[in-house]
Amino acid sequence: MPEPPGAPLPAVTPERVLAGLALLVPIVAMLWVSSYDKTGPAVGGMPFFYWYQLLWVPASAVFTVAAYLLINRDEKARKAAKTGGTR
């Protein structure tokens, strides 16, 4: 049963939780230095320490875009709920 227009919306939604987790993953991966503090395996002569960090540059962009899309979806749902429309 949908909530009536003007009803208070929850501050925490699944979309917002997933967006927060998507933003947290690259941060934790980069702060956990002991997980990539080694030289092997090398790729193209580049030690693991460097190529692992470089791999996280596009991966972080993907996670950031996912978080943006989730927040955008949540905002649209909030706007629809505020006006009484459907998702």
N, C-alpha and C. Protein backbone atom coordinates (compact mmCIF):
# COMPACT_ATOMS: atom_id res chain seq x y z
N MET A 1 0.85 -1.18 0.00
CA MET A 1 0.00 0.00 0.00
C MET A 1 0.90 1.24 0.00
N PRO A 2 0.76 2.10 -1.00
CA PRO A 2 1.60 3.29 -1.05
C PRO A 2 1.23 4.28 0.04
N GLU A 3 2.23 5.02 0.47
CA GLU A 3 1.99 6.01 1.51
C GLU A 3 1.27 7.22 0.91
N PRO A 4 0.43 7.88 1.70
CA PRO A 4 -0.28 9.05 1.18
C PRO A 4 0.69 10.20 0.91
N PRO A 5 0.33 11.09 -0.03
CA PRO A 5 1.20 12.24 -0.31
C PRO A 5 1.40 13.08 0.95
N GLY A 6 2.60 13.57 1.13
CA GLY A 6 2.90 14.39 2.29
C GLY A 6 3.37 13.60 3.50
N ALA A 7 3.35 12.25 3.40
CA ALA A 7 3.83 11.43 4.51
C ALA A 7 5.35 11.57 4.61
N PRO A 8 5.89 11.52 5.81
CA PRO A 8 7.35 11.66 5.94
C PRO A 8 8.08 10.52 5.25
N LEU A 9 9.12 10.86 4.52
CA LEU A 9 9.91 9.86 3.81
C LEU A 9 11.07 9.41 4.69
N PRO A 10 11.42 8.13 4.61
CA PRO A 10 12.53 7.66 5.44
C PRO A 10 13.85 8.29 4.99
N ALA A 11 14.68 8.62 5.96
CA ALA A 11 15.97 9.22 5.63
C ALA A 11 16.93 8.20 5.04
N VAL A 12 16.84 6.96 5.49
CA VAL A 12 17.72 5.91 4.99
C VAL A 12 16.91 4.97 4.11
N THR A 13 17.33 4.87 2.87
CA THR A 13 16.68 3.97 1.92
C THR A 13 17.72 2.99 1.41
N PRO A 14 17.29 1.88 0.83
CA PRO A 14 18.27 0.92 0.29
C PRO A 14 19.19 1.54 -0.77
N GLU A 15 18.66 2.44 -1.58
CA GLU A 15 19.48 3.09 -2.59
C GLU A 15 20.60 3.91 -1.96
N ARG A 16 20.27 4.62 -0.89
CA ARG A 16 21.28 5.45 -0.22
C ARG A 16 22.33 4.59 0.48
N VAL A 17 21.92 3.48 1.04
CA VAL A 17 22.87 2.58 1.69
C VAL A 17 23.82 1.99 0.64
N LEU A 18 23.27 1.55 -0.49
CA LEU A 18 24.12 0.99 -1.56
C LEU A 18 25.05 2.06 -2.13
N ALA A 19 24.58 3.28 -2.26
CA ALA A 19 25.43 4.36 -2.75
C ALA A 19 26.58 4.61 -1.79
N GLY A 20 26.30 4.61 -0.52
CA GLY A 20 27.35 4.79 0.47
C GLY A 20 28.37 3.66 0.42
N LEU A 21 27.90 2.44 0.26
CA LEU A 21 28.82 1.31 0.15
C LEU A 21 29.65 1.39 -1.13
N ALA A 22 29.02 1.84 -2.22
CA ALA A 22 29.76 1.98 -3.48
C ALA A 22 30.87 3.02 -3.35
N LEU A 23 30.65 4.06 -2.58
CA LEU A 23 31.69 5.06 -2.37
C LEU A 23 32.74 4.59 -1.37
N LEU A 24 32.35 3.70 -0.48
CA LEU A 24 33.26 3.23 0.56
C LEU A 24 34.23 2.16 0.04
N VAL A 25 33.83 1.38 -0.94
CA VAL A 25 34.67 0.28 -1.44
C VAL A 25 36.04 0.76 -1.92
N PRO A 26 36.13 1.76 -2.81
CA PRO A 26 37.46 2.19 -3.25
C PRO A 26 38.31 2.79 -2.12
N ILE A 27 37.66 3.46 -1.19
CA ILE A 27 38.40 4.06 -0.07
C ILE A 27 39.03 2.98 0.78
N VAL A 28 38.25 1.98 1.13
CA VAL A 28 38.77 0.88 1.95
C VAL A 28 39.85 0.12 1.19
N ALA A 29 39.65 -0.11 -0.09
CA ALA A 29 40.64 -0.84 -0.89
C ALA A 29 41.98 -0.12 -0.93
N MET A 30 41.95 1.20 -1.00
CA MET A 30 43.20 1.97 -1.06
C MET A 30 43.83 2.17 0.32
N LEU A 31 43.03 2.21 1.36
CA LEU A 31 43.58 2.39 2.70
C LEU A 31 44.12 1.09 3.30
N TRP A 32 43.72 -0.05 2.75
CA TRP A 32 44.18 -1.35 3.22
C TRP A 32 45.48 -1.69 2.48
N VAL A 33 46.54 -1.00 2.83
CA VAL A 33 47.81 -1.08 2.10
C VAL A 33 48.43 -2.47 2.18
N SER A 34 48.29 -3.14 3.28
CA SER A 34 48.91 -4.46 3.40
C SER A 34 48.37 -5.47 2.38
N SER A 35 47.21 -5.20 1.80
CA SER A 35 46.66 -6.11 0.79
C SER A 35 47.39 -6.00 -0.54
N TYR A 36 48.06 -4.90 -0.80
CA TYR A 36 48.76 -4.74 -2.08
C TYR A 36 50.21 -4.30 -1.91
N ASP A 37 50.76 -4.43 -0.73
CA ASP A 37 52.15 -4.05 -0.47
C ASP A 37 53.09 -5.20 -0.84
N LYS A 38 53.20 -5.47 -2.13
CA LYS A 38 54.09 -6.52 -2.63
C LYS A 38 54.51 -6.18 -4.05
N THR A 39 55.50 -6.85 -4.54
CA THR A 39 56.01 -6.55 -5.88
C THR A 39 55.44 -7.47 -6.95
N GLY A 40 55.11 -8.69 -6.60
CA GLY A 40 54.62 -9.64 -7.62
C GLY A 40 53.14 -9.85 -7.48
N PRO A 41 52.46 -10.19 -8.50
CA PRO A 41 52.92 -10.43 -9.86
C PRO A 41 53.06 -9.11 -10.64
N ALA A 42 54.07 -9.08 -11.46
CA ALA A 42 54.30 -7.89 -12.29
C ALA A 42 53.52 -8.02 -13.60
N VAL A 43 53.04 -6.90 -14.10
CA VAL A 43 52.33 -6.85 -15.38
C VAL A 43 53.08 -5.88 -16.28
N GLY A 44 53.64 -6.39 -17.34
CA GLY A 44 54.39 -5.55 -18.25
C GLY A 44 55.59 -4.90 -17.59
N GLY A 45 56.19 -5.59 -16.64
CA GLY A 45 57.34 -5.06 -15.93
C GLY A 45 56.98 -4.10 -14.80
N MET A 46 55.69 -3.82 -14.61
CA MET A 46 55.25 -2.92 -13.54
C MET A 46 54.88 -3.75 -12.32
N PRO A 47 55.47 -3.45 -11.17
CA PRO A 47 55.17 -4.22 -9.95
C PRO A 47 53.70 -4.10 -9.56
N PHE A 48 53.23 -5.13 -8.86
CA PHE A 48 51.83 -5.21 -8.43
C PHE A 48 51.41 -3.96 -7.67
N PHE A 49 52.29 -3.45 -6.80
CA PHE A 49 51.97 -2.28 -5.99
C PHE A 49 51.45 -1.13 -6.85
N TYR A 50 52.05 -0.90 -8.01
CA TYR A 50 51.67 0.23 -8.86
C TYR A 50 50.46 -0.08 -9.74
N TRP A 51 50.47 -1.25 -10.40
CA TRP A 51 49.34 -1.49 -11.30
C TRP A 51 48.04 -1.74 -10.56
N TYR A 52 48.12 -2.24 -9.32
CA TYR A 52 46.91 -2.41 -8.52
C TYR A 52 46.27 -1.05 -8.22
N GLN A 53 47.10 -0.08 -7.85
CA GLN A 53 46.58 1.26 -7.57
C GLN A 53 46.02 1.91 -8.83
N LEU A 54 46.72 1.73 -9.94
CA LEU A 54 46.24 2.29 -11.20
C LEU A 54 44.94 1.63 -11.66
N LEU A 55 44.77 0.37 -11.34
CA LEU A 55 43.54 -0.34 -11.68
C LEU A 55 42.34 0.27 -10.95
N TRP A 56 42.57 0.82 -9.76
CA TRP A 56 41.48 1.40 -8.98
C TRP A 56 41.03 2.76 -9.50
N VAL A 57 41.78 3.38 -10.39
CA VAL A 57 41.35 4.67 -10.94
C VAL A 57 40.06 4.50 -11.75
N PRO A 58 40.03 3.63 -12.77
CA PRO A 58 38.74 3.45 -13.47
C PRO A 58 37.70 2.73 -12.62
N ALA A 59 38.15 1.82 -11.74
CA ALA A 59 37.19 1.13 -10.88
C ALA A 59 36.49 2.12 -9.95
N SER A 60 37.23 3.09 -9.44
CA SER A 60 36.63 4.11 -8.58
C SER A 60 35.61 4.94 -9.36
N ALA A 61 35.92 5.22 -10.61
CA ALA A 61 34.97 5.97 -11.45
C ALA A 61 33.68 5.17 -11.63
N VAL A 62 33.80 3.87 -11.83
CA VAL A 62 32.61 3.02 -11.99
C VAL A 62 31.78 3.02 -10.71
N PHE A 63 32.44 2.88 -9.56
CA PHE A 63 31.72 2.90 -8.29
C PHE A 63 31.06 4.26 -8.04
N THR A 64 31.73 5.33 -8.43
CA THR A 64 31.16 6.67 -8.24
C THR A 64 29.94 6.88 -9.13
N VAL A 65 30.02 6.41 -10.37
CA VAL A 65 28.86 6.52 -11.27
C VAL A 65 27.70 5.69 -10.73
N ALA A 66 27.99 4.52 -10.21
CA ALA A 66 26.93 3.68 -9.63
C ALA A 66 26.27 4.39 -8.45
N ALA A 67 27.07 5.03 -7.60
CA ALA A 67 26.51 5.77 -6.47
C ALA A 67 25.65 6.93 -6.95
N TYR A 68 26.13 7.63 -7.98
CA TYR A 68 25.35 8.74 -8.54
C TYR A 68 24.01 8.26 -9.07
N LEU A 69 24.02 7.17 -9.81
CA LEU A 69 22.77 6.66 -10.37
C LEU A 69 21.81 6.20 -9.27
N LEU A 70 22.34 5.60 -8.22
CA LEU A 70 21.48 5.18 -7.11
C LEU A 70 20.86 6.38 -6.39
N ILE A 71 21.65 7.41 -6.16
CA ILE A 71 21.13 8.61 -5.49
C ILE A 71 20.12 9.32 -6.39
N ASN A 72 20.42 9.36 -7.68
CA ASN A 72 19.49 9.98 -8.64
C ASN A 72 18.15 9.23 -8.64
N ARG A 73 18.22 7.91 -8.61
CA ARG A 73 17.00 7.09 -8.57
C ARG A 73 16.21 7.37 -7.29
N ASP A 74 16.92 7.48 -6.17
CA ASP A 74 16.27 7.75 -4.89
C ASP A 74 15.62 9.13 -4.90
N GLU A 75 16.30 10.12 -5.44
CA GLU A 75 15.74 11.47 -5.49
C GLU A 75 14.48 11.51 -6.36
N LYS A 76 14.50 10.79 -7.48
CA LYS A 76 13.30 10.72 -8.33
C LYS A 76 12.14 10.06 -7.58
N ALA A 77 12.44 9.00 -6.83
CA ALA A 77 11.40 8.32 -6.06
C ALA A 77 10.86 9.24 -4.97
N ARG A 78 11.73 10.02 -4.34
CA ARG A 78 11.28 10.97 -3.32
C ARG A 78 10.39 12.05 -3.92
N LYS A 79 10.80 12.54 -5.08
CA LYS A 79 10.00 13.58 -5.73
C LYS A 79 8.64 13.02 -6.13
N ALA A 80 8.62 11.78 -6.63
CA ALA A 80 7.36 11.16 -7.03
C ALA A 80 6.48 10.92 -5.81
N ALA A 81 7.08 10.50 -4.71
CA ALA A 81 6.29 10.25 -3.49
C ALA A 81 5.76 11.56 -2.92
N LYS A 82 6.53 12.61 -3.08
CA LYS A 82 6.09 13.91 -2.54
C LYS A 82 4.89 14.45 -3.31
N THR A 83 4.88 14.22 -4.63
CA THR A 83 3.78 14.71 -5.46
C THR A 83 2.64 13.71 -5.58
N GLY A 84 2.84 12.50 -5.04
CA GLY A 84 1.77 11.51 -5.07
C GLY A 84 1.81 10.62 -6.27
N GLY A 85 2.86 10.72 -7.10
CA GLY A 85 2.99 9.86 -8.28
C GLY A 85 3.61 8.53 -7.92
N THR A 86 3.81 7.72 -8.92
CA THR A 86 4.46 6.43 -8.71
C THR A 86 5.92 6.54 -9.11
N ARG A 87 6.68 5.57 -8.75
CA ARG A 87 8.10 5.54 -9.06
C ARG A 87 8.27 5.48 -10.51
